[in-house]
Amino acid sequence: MSIEALSGKVFLLVTGASRGIGRQIAITFSSMLEEGSRVLLLARNKDALQEVAKNIPSKIKVCTISADLSKSTDTKFEGVGCGQYCSVKAAREMYFKVFALENPDVNVLNYAPGPVDTDMFTMVCEKIIDPKAKKAFNEMREKKTVLTTEQTVNRLVQVLKEHKYNSADHVDYYDKL
């Protein structure tokens, strides 16, 4: 079963492509693309982007751009509290819903990857202020229930292949389809 959105010549843009979930999406999705497709990889680390590009099939044209997208604002993630982070996630969800309504020909999916073993997860485990949340995150780490980037991206591929969601739906890693 193929993913309709990845059939034919595709332009795939991946931000945060040098590590974590972005890296895994770039590698996994590009392996499903047809000849003549193009992939644009964006991230801060130019060397890591080049390493990711080496993992993309030669039939795909790859362009890498080293850019720090956080420089477009004055805020830095480390200064962002949980409330602000959650507010941005809620705003993104509403944006996706409105975008889907205004663009009915576009397939919009709001995918929540679950707790994934990334640099961000490690930072949260170390720096989160709420003691209950800190304990919960660290217990996930200790019990080894944190997902790998491969697990969450493979689940995303499955969700896209089965396409049992409506445009703009929120689908979590753990949701039954």
Protein backbone atom coordinates (compact mmCIF):
# COMPACT_ATOMS: atom_id res chain seq x y z
CA MET A 1 0.00 0.00 0.00
CA SER A 2 1.53 3.32 -1.05
CA ILE A 3 1.06 6.81 0.31
CA GLU A 4 -0.92 8.87 -2.19
CA ALA A 5 0.68 12.13 -1.05
CA LEU A 6 4.12 10.70 -1.86
CA SER A 7 3.26 9.34 -5.31
CA GLY A 8 4.48 10.91 -8.55
CA LYS A 9 7.06 13.68 -8.50
CA VAL A 10 7.06 15.16 -5.03
CA PHE A 11 8.65 18.17 -3.38
CA LEU A 12 9.39 17.27 0.24
CA LEU A 13 10.49 19.95 2.70
CA VAL A 14 11.83 18.77 6.06
CA THR A 15 12.77 21.20 8.81
CA GLY A 16 15.01 20.02 11.65
CA ALA A 17 16.38 17.46 9.20
CA SER A 18 19.82 17.04 10.78
CA ARG A 19 18.70 15.05 13.83
CA GLY A 20 15.82 13.48 15.72
CA ILE A 21 12.42 13.05 14.12
CA GLY A 22 13.22 15.40 11.22
CA ARG A 23 16.26 13.30 10.27
CA GLN A 24 14.23 10.11 10.38
CA ILE A 25 11.39 11.62 8.33
CA ALA A 26 13.87 12.78 5.68
CA ILE A 27 15.45 9.33 5.36
CA THR A 28 12.25 7.26 5.58
CA PHE A 29 10.05 9.42 3.35
CA SER A 30 12.72 10.00 0.69
CA SER A 31 13.11 6.23 0.30
CA MET A 32 9.45 6.13 -0.80
CA LEU A 33 9.72 8.90 -3.39
CA GLU A 34 9.78 8.35 -7.12
CA GLU A 35 12.57 9.39 -9.46
CA GLY A 36 12.53 13.08 -10.25
CA SER A 37 11.28 14.08 -6.80
CA ARG A 38 13.08 16.78 -4.85
CA VAL A 39 13.91 17.02 -1.16
CA LEU A 40 14.83 20.22 0.64
CA LEU A 41 16.49 19.66 4.01
CA LEU A 42 16.70 22.53 6.50
CA ALA A 43 18.57 22.56 9.82
CA ARG A 44 21.22 24.51 11.69
CA ASN A 45 24.01 21.91 11.43
CA LYS A 46 25.42 21.93 7.87
CA ASP A 47 27.67 18.88 8.38
CA ALA A 48 24.85 16.80 9.86
CA LEU A 49 22.60 17.81 6.93
CA GLN A 50 25.24 16.53 4.50
CA GLU A 51 25.31 13.20 6.36
CA VAL A 52 21.52 12.91 6.11
CA ALA A 53 21.68 13.74 2.40
CA LYS A 54 24.04 10.78 1.89
CA ASN A 55 21.23 8.49 3.13
CA ILE A 56 18.79 9.65 0.46
CA PRO A 57 18.55 7.59 -2.75
CA SER A 58 20.52 9.00 -5.69
CA LYS A 59 17.36 9.12 -7.86
CA ILE A 60 16.16 12.00 -5.64
CA LYS A 61 17.53 15.52 -6.05
CA VAL A 62 18.52 16.82 -2.61
CA CYS A 63 19.21 20.38 -1.54
CA THR A 64 20.44 21.22 1.95
CA ILE A 65 20.25 24.63 3.55
CA SER A 66 21.80 25.43 6.89
CA ALA A 67 19.53 27.94 8.60
CA ASP A 68 18.56 28.75 12.15
CA LEU A 69 14.81 29.22 11.91
CA SER A 70 14.65 30.26 15.58
CA LYS A 71 16.49 33.47 14.63
CA SER A 72 13.28 34.74 13.04
CA THR A 73 11.98 35.56 16.52
CA ASP A 74 13.43 36.87 19.73
CA THR A 75 12.38 33.85 21.79
CA LYS A 76 14.56 30.85 22.48
CA PHE A 77 13.19 27.44 23.35
CA GLU A 78 15.06 27.27 26.66
CA GLY A 79 13.18 30.36 27.85
CA VAL A 80 9.80 28.98 26.85
CA GLY A 81 7.69 27.59 29.67
CA CYS A 82 5.29 24.67 29.48
CA GLY A 83 2.30 26.99 29.23
CA GLN A 84 3.76 28.83 26.27
CA TYR A 85 4.75 25.55 24.57
CA CYS A 86 1.22 24.15 25.02
CA SER A 87 -0.33 27.39 23.75
CA VAL A 88 1.74 27.18 20.56
CA LYS A 89 0.67 23.55 20.06
CA ALA A 90 -3.00 24.53 20.52
CA ALA A 91 -2.58 27.41 18.05
CA ARG A 92 -0.97 25.04 15.53
CA GLU A 93 -3.91 22.64 15.86
CA MET A 94 -6.42 25.42 15.22
CA TYR A 95 -4.34 26.70 12.30
CA PHE A 96 -4.38 23.22 10.73
CA LYS A 97 -8.17 23.00 11.13
CA VAL A 98 -8.74 26.38 9.47
CA PHE A 99 -6.14 25.67 6.75
CA ALA A 100 -7.89 22.36 5.93
CA LEU A 101 -11.27 24.09 5.67
CA GLU A 102 -9.88 26.81 3.42
CA ASN A 103 -7.91 24.31 1.29
CA PRO A 104 -10.12 21.24 0.85
CA ASP A 105 -7.76 19.71 -1.74
CA VAL A 106 -4.88 19.57 0.75
CA ASN A 107 -4.44 16.59 3.08
CA VAL A 108 -3.63 18.03 6.53
CA LEU A 109 -2.53 15.79 9.40
CA ASN A 110 -1.68 16.97 12.89
CA TYR A 111 0.51 14.07 14.09
CA ALA A 112 1.66 13.82 17.70
CA PRO A 113 4.77 11.61 17.76
CA GLY A 114 4.57 10.54 21.41
CA PRO A 115 7.54 10.68 23.79
CA VAL A 116 10.57 10.28 21.53
CA ASP A 117 14.23 9.86 22.50
CA THR A 118 15.60 13.12 21.11
CA ASP A 119 17.75 15.96 22.41
CA MET A 120 14.53 17.85 23.20
CA PHE A 121 13.24 14.98 25.36
CA THR A 122 16.55 14.90 27.26
CA MET A 123 16.39 18.65 27.82
CA VAL A 124 12.83 18.39 29.14
CA CYS A 125 13.87 15.61 31.54
CA GLU A 126 16.61 17.83 32.91
CA LYS A 127 15.02 21.28 32.88
CA ILE A 128 11.26 20.97 33.34
CA ILE A 129 10.16 22.85 36.44
CA ASP A 130 6.99 20.92 37.37
CA PRO A 131 8.18 18.13 39.70
CA LYS A 132 5.34 15.74 38.75
CA ALA A 133 6.01 16.16 35.05
CA LYS A 134 9.76 15.82 35.61
CA LYS A 135 9.21 12.58 37.52
CA ALA A 136 6.91 11.23 34.77
CA PHE A 137 9.38 12.04 31.98
CA ASN A 138 12.31 10.53 33.87
CA GLU A 139 10.29 7.40 34.68
CA MET A 140 9.63 6.93 30.96
CA ARG A 141 13.36 7.14 30.39
CA GLU A 142 14.17 4.70 33.21
CA LYS A 143 11.49 2.20 32.13
CA LYS A 144 12.64 2.52 28.51
CA THR A 145 9.15 3.39 27.27
CA VAL A 146 10.44 6.34 25.27
CA LEU A 147 10.03 5.78 21.53
CA THR A 148 12.80 5.82 18.96
CA THR A 149 12.62 8.16 15.99
CA GLU A 150 12.23 5.07 13.78
CA GLN A 151 9.20 3.89 15.77
CA THR A 152 7.33 7.18 15.57
CA VAL A 153 8.15 7.81 11.89
CA ASN A 154 7.13 4.25 10.95
CA ARG A 155 3.85 4.85 12.78
CA LEU A 156 3.40 8.11 10.84
CA VAL A 157 3.95 6.19 7.59
CA GLN A 158 1.32 3.65 8.67
CA VAL A 159 -1.16 6.43 9.51
CA LEU A 160 -0.60 8.03 6.10
CA LYS A 161 -0.90 4.71 4.24
CA GLU A 162 -4.12 3.67 5.97
CA HIS A 163 -5.51 7.21 5.72
CA LYS A 164 -8.31 6.58 8.24
CA TYR A 165 -8.39 10.19 9.35
CA ASN A 166 -10.10 13.31 8.07
CA SER A 167 -8.05 16.28 6.95
CA ALA A 168 -6.96 18.35 9.99
CA ASP A 169 -7.48 15.50 12.45
CA HIS A 170 -5.13 15.18 15.40
CA VAL A 171 -3.63 11.69 15.44
CA ASP A 172 -1.41 10.58 18.30
CA TYR A 173 1.18 7.80 18.08
CA TYR A 174 -0.91 5.73 20.49
CA ASP A 175 -4.31 6.28 18.79
CA LYS A 176 -6.04 3.22 17.35
CA LEU A 177 -7.01 3.75 13.73
